[in-house]
Every structure is written in C-alpha cells, then in structure tokens.
C-alpha atoms as a PDB file:
ATOM      1  CA  UNK A   1      -7.132 -18.432 -20.064  1.00  0.00           C
ATOM      2  CA  UNK A   2      -9.819 -16.593 -18.073  1.00  0.00           C
ATOM      3  CA  UNK A   3      -8.174 -17.728 -14.838  1.00  0.00           C
ATOM      4  CA  UNK A   4      -4.810 -16.315 -15.932  1.00  0.00           C
ATOM      5  CA  UNK A   5      -6.359 -12.990 -16.934  1.00  0.00           C
ATOM      6  CA  UNK A   6      -8.251 -12.861 -13.641  1.00  0.00           C
ATOM      7  CA  UNK A   7      -5.060 -13.457 -11.653  1.00  0.00           C
ATOM      8  CA  UNK A   8      -3.174 -10.804 -13.629  1.00  0.00           C
ATOM      9  CA  UNK A   9      -5.976  -8.296 -13.062  1.00  0.00           C
ATOM     10  CA  UNK A  10      -6.184  -9.082  -9.339  1.00  0.00           C
ATOM     11  CA  UNK A  11      -2.412  -8.753  -8.929  1.00  0.00           C
ATOM     12  CA  UNK A  12      -2.414  -5.428 -10.772  1.00  0.00           C
ATOM     13  CA  UNK A  13      -5.206  -4.029  -8.593  1.00  0.00           C
ATOM     14  CA  UNK A  14      -3.505  -5.133  -5.375  1.00  0.00           C
ATOM     15  CA  UNK A  15      -0.104  -3.765  -6.410  1.00  0.00           C
ATOM     16  CA  UNK A  16      -1.483  -0.415  -7.541  1.00  0.00           C
ATOM     17  CA  UNK A  17      -3.477   0.035  -4.343  1.00  0.00           C
ATOM     18  CA  UNK A  18      -0.460  -0.655  -2.121  1.00  0.00           C
ATOM     19  CA  UNK A  19       1.820   1.610  -4.134  1.00  0.00           C
ATOM     20  CA  UNK A  20      -0.553   4.547  -4.358  1.00  0.00           C
ATOM     21  CA  UNK A  21      -1.962   4.458  -0.834  1.00  0.00           C
ATOM     22  CA  UNK A  22      -0.167   6.870   1.425  1.00  0.00           C
ATOM     23  CA  UNK A  23      -0.044   7.996   5.014  1.00  0.00           C
ATOM     24  CA  UNK A  24      -1.758   5.037   6.547  1.00  0.00           C
ATOM     25  CA  UNK A  25      -0.778   6.039  10.089  1.00  0.00           C
ATOM     26  CA  UNK A  26      -3.828   7.414  11.926  1.00  0.00           C
ATOM     27  CA  UNK A  27      -1.657   8.711  14.784  1.00  0.00           C
ATOM     28  CA  UNK A  28      -0.068  11.527  12.790  1.00  0.00           C
ATOM     29  CA  UNK A  29      -1.189  15.069  13.493  1.00  0.00           C
ATOM     30  CA  UNK A  30      -0.347  16.902  10.305  1.00  0.00           C
ATOM     31  CA  UNK A  31      -0.306  20.321  12.023  1.00  0.00           C
ATOM     32  CA  UNK A  32       2.621  19.506  14.317  1.00  0.00           C
ATOM     33  CA  UNK A  33       6.083  18.280  13.368  1.00  0.00           C
ATOM     34  CA  UNK A  34       6.448  14.534  13.789  1.00  0.00           C
ATOM     35  CA  UNK A  35       9.024  13.172  16.228  1.00  0.00           C
ATOM     36  CA  UNK A  36      10.789  10.294  14.515  1.00  0.00           C
ATOM     37  CA  UNK A  37      13.863   8.124  14.720  1.00  0.00           C
ATOM     38  CA  UNK A  38      16.106   7.734  11.692  1.00  0.00           C
ATOM     39  CA  UNK A  39      16.654   4.064  10.841  1.00  0.00           C
ATOM     40  CA  UNK A  40      18.564   2.215   8.137  1.00  0.00           C
ATOM     41  CA  UNK A  41      16.664  -0.658   6.521  1.00  0.00           C
ATOM     42  CA  UNK A  42      18.672  -3.267   4.659  1.00  0.00           C
ATOM     43  CA  UNK A  43      16.370  -3.797   1.653  1.00  0.00           C
ATOM     44  CA  UNK A  44      18.125  -4.189  -1.672  1.00  0.00           C
ATOM     45  CA  UNK A  45      20.901  -1.617  -1.488  1.00  0.00           C
ATOM     46  CA  UNK A  46      19.481  -0.303   1.794  1.00  0.00           C
ATOM     47  CA  UNK A  47      17.486   2.821   2.509  1.00  0.00           C
ATOM     48  CA  UNK A  48      16.826   5.322   5.266  1.00  0.00           C
ATOM     49  CA  UNK A  49      13.413   5.531   6.917  1.00  0.00           C
ATOM     50  CA  UNK A  50      11.795   7.601   9.647  1.00  0.00           C
ATOM     51  CA  UNK A  51       9.993   5.670  12.371  1.00  0.00           C
ATOM     52  CA  UNK A  52       7.556   7.425  14.711  1.00  0.00           C
ATOM     53  CA  UNK A  53       6.794   6.499  18.336  1.00  0.00           C
ATOM     54  CA  UNK A  54       4.015   4.155  17.192  1.00  0.00           C
ATOM     55  CA  UNK A  55       6.441   2.205  15.015  1.00  0.00           C
ATOM     56  CA  UNK A  56       5.022   3.456  11.722  1.00  0.00           C
ATOM     57  CA  UNK A  57       7.732   3.894   9.087  1.00  0.00           C
ATOM     58  CA  UNK A  58       7.978   6.555   6.393  1.00  0.00           C
ATOM     59  CA  UNK A  59      10.297   6.669   3.425  1.00  0.00           C
ATOM     60  CA  UNK A  60      11.663  10.205   3.092  1.00  0.00           C
ATOM     61  CA  UNK A  61      12.579  11.501  -0.325  1.00  0.00           C
ATOM     62  CA  UNK A  62      16.112  12.927  -0.331  1.00  0.00           C
ATOM     63  CA  UNK A  63      16.950  12.732   3.377  1.00  0.00           C
ATOM     64  CA  UNK A  64      19.871  15.173   3.859  1.00  0.00           C
ATOM     65  CA  UNK A  65      23.183  13.398   4.505  1.00  0.00           C
ATOM     66  CA  UNK A  66      23.687  15.039   7.917  1.00  0.00           C
ATOM     67  CA  UNK A  67      20.546  13.240   9.156  1.00  0.00           C
ATOM     68  CA  UNK A  68      21.595   9.785   7.945  1.00  0.00           C
ATOM     69  CA  UNK A  69      22.574   8.566  11.410  1.00  0.00           C
ATOM     70  CA  UNK A  70      21.092   5.377  12.863  1.00  0.00           C
ATOM     71  CA  UNK A  71      18.966   6.192  15.915  1.00  0.00           C
ATOM     72  CA  UNK A  72      19.009   9.978  15.438  1.00  0.00           C
ATOM     73  CA  UNK A  73      15.858  11.642  16.821  1.00  0.00           C
ATOM     74  CA  UNK A  74      14.414  14.291  14.501  1.00  0.00           C
ATOM     75  CA  UNK A  75      11.450  16.606  14.208  1.00  0.00           C
ATOM     76  CA  UNK A  76      10.107  16.627  10.673  1.00  0.00           C
ATOM     77  CA  UNK A  77       7.425  18.459   8.731  1.00  0.00           C
ATOM     78  CA  UNK A  78       6.555  16.721   5.525  1.00  0.00           C
ATOM     79  CA  UNK A  79       4.195  16.381   2.626  1.00  0.00           C
ATOM     80  CA  UNK A  80       2.638  13.095   1.595  1.00  0.00           C
ATOM     81  CA  UNK A  81       3.752  11.821  -1.806  1.00  0.00           C
ATOM     82  CA  UNK A  82       1.196   9.224  -2.822  1.00  0.00           C
ATOM     83  CA  UNK A  83       2.211   9.764  -6.433  1.00  0.00           C
ATOM     84  CA  UNK A  84       5.686   8.313  -5.837  1.00  0.00           C
ATOM     85  CA  UNK A  85       6.514   4.630  -5.574  1.00  0.00           C
ATOM     86  CA  UNK A  86       8.513   3.341  -2.630  1.00  0.00           C
ATOM     87  CA  UNK A  87      12.047   2.060  -3.092  1.00  0.00           C
ATOM     88  CA  UNK A  88      12.019   0.577   0.426  1.00  0.00           C
ATOM     89  CA  UNK A  89       8.721  -1.211  -0.131  1.00  0.00           C
ATOM     90  CA  UNK A  90       6.907   1.026   2.357  1.00  0.00           C
ATOM     91  CA  UNK A  91       3.482   2.486   1.770  1.00  0.00           C
ATOM     92  CA  UNK A  92       4.196   5.999   2.989  1.00  0.00           C
ATOM     93  CA  UNK A  93       6.616   8.067   0.934  1.00  0.00           C
ATOM     94  CA  UNK A  94       7.083  11.614   2.213  1.00  0.00           C
ATOM     95  CA  UNK A  95       8.786  14.751   0.969  1.00  0.00           C
ATOM     96  CA  UNK A  96      10.596  16.570   3.753  1.00  0.00           C
ATOM     97  CA  UNK A  97       9.654  20.224   4.096  1.00  0.00           C
ATOM     98  CA  UNK A  98      11.604  20.878   7.333  1.00  0.00           C
ATOM     99  CA  UNK A  99      13.795  18.653   9.456  1.00  0.00           C
ATOM    100  CA  UNK A 100      15.877  19.293  12.562  1.00  0.00           C
ATOM    101  CA  UNK A 101      17.524  17.266  15.288  1.00  0.00           C
ATOM    102  CA  UNK A 102      15.163  16.763  18.230  1.00  0.00           C
ATOM    103  CA  UNK A 103      16.205  17.711  21.763  1.00  0.00           C
ATOM    104  CA  UNK A 104      15.177  14.506  23.531  1.00  0.00           C
ATOM    105  CA  UNK A 105      17.038  15.390  26.734  1.00  0.00           C
ATOM    106  CA  UNK A 106      14.161  17.711  27.715  1.00  0.00           C
ATOM    107  CA  UNK A 107      11.775  14.714  28.023  1.00  0.00           C
END
C-alpha cells in the first residue's frame, strides 16, 4: 500500500512540475520580439505551435487564423502563461500580445 501511495505521489509531483513550468528556453530575449516559424503538430486533434531558431516550441493561446500557415515566419511578442496547461503537451504556453509576418527576405 505504501508503495502505491509513493508512486501516486511521485507521479503527481512530476506531472505538476512539467505542467506548471514555463519558458524553459534560455535563448529568448524577452525585450525583443521572437522570430518564429508557425508549425502544425499532429497531436490528438492537432495544434499550432511556434518554433524559434533554436528549435524550442511554444504553444500559443488563440493564434489568429490568418497566421495558421505551415512554415510562416512571424515576429511575436508574448506573455508566459505558466498557469495554463498545454493541449499540445508542450511546456511553454504563451499568450500572444503582438504578432506580425516577418520579412525574411531582408536576411
């Protein structure tokens, strides 16, 4: 019985730490907009994510429909939402404050 309770407690601690941790990417400069690529991930019913140049993925809350285009480069300002669970099973859920299409032809 003690073993079962110990396993339940350990599982609960691990799950709560992975769901509540947020913005685990050390490469993000929060003062500048992040350059990211919009990607569709086929998890469950599928979801849209933003992937930065380091490959770190973020789950945006309410990505506007006009930005739901596979491979679209965007500049995004966001706010971390560690209080929200991830539908896509990602650690970093973000709330978009500003988003625009990036002009990648200048690079």
